[in-house]
Amino acid sequence: MIITSQALTAMFTGFQAVFQQAFDGAPSDYAKIAMTIPSATRQERYGWLGTVTRFREWLGDRVIQNLATHDFTIVNKDFENTIGVDRNDIADDTLGVYTPMLAQLGMDAKSHPDELVFLLLANGFTGLCYDGQYFFDTDHPVMGSNGQMSSVSNFAGGAGTPWYLLDVSRAIKPIIFQQRQAYKFVAMDRVDDESVFTRKLFRYGVDARVNVGFGLWQLAYASKQELSLDNFGAAYAAHMALKGDNGRPLGIRPSLLVVPPTLRDAALTITKADIINNTTNVQRGSVDVLVTPWLA
């Protein structure tokens, strides 16, 4: 192939098509537990996290509910993934060898939010959320019905493999995926590029500006106890029973059990089996199950 601007443009179009097809076809689960928040600047402040309002009977004038604000900020980060194409491969018409690499580039871009979101979930035992406590903790500060601060737990304890109960039925999700710039396929493929002159290398890659952060801890409940029928039932009941300020029930409805591959059989048995130990399984169908390799 004679390397011209027109030939390079056609090559970029072909490469982009391979990337996009792989991107569109790759599986992704992060949106099941994370809400995507568009970002318009370097960072976003989530002062509304932790604020709770409630309906009251309208007697007299409206009562404006004063909302506490939190200084919880997520700063966008830059991410990239780049491959090089040798000039000689273009000249010799051997570009087919790069098709798998470009397809993998598309799959990597599609799965990158999964990697970020589920890594954050796994780090919830040591990562801080909006109230200054670990996301999964035994002493989140909540105002009780008596007006005094009390400690509320969304962690059942234990020392084994973690599993997670999430309420993903709401508009707000337990995790925030913040996106300043979507994943974009770009190229440095001019014949007079410095890398072509010095290294005979055309460069193609993907870049994005994104980050993740913890949303509402109330929507997530974790345990490191054995994933058994009894422990699952106890965690489910404890999660549903969570209350907000002033003793107000939050209406939590656990809807998703998230587990690593090692807990797949236990999770499916608890949520799918009709009979366990010769007894009717009352937990059957109580939640959906998400088994993710990103927690392996």
Foldseek 3Di string as FASTA:
>chain_A
DDDDPVLLVVVVVVLVVLLVVLLVPADEDLVLFAAEDEDADQKDFDQQFQWDDDDDPDDDDDDDDDTGTFRDMDGWDKDKDKDKDFLVCVVVVVCVVCSVVSSVQSNCQNHVSVLQRVVVVVCQCPDAARQRHRLFDFFRWFAELVRDTGGHGQEPDDDAFKKKWFQSVDNHGQKYKYFHFGKDKDWDDDCPDPCCVPPSITMIMIMGIIHMGGGHSLGMHMYRDPLALVVVVVSQVSSQCDAHHSRHRPRHQGAEMEGEPVCVVSVCCQADPQDDPNHGRPNHPSYYYDYDNSSD
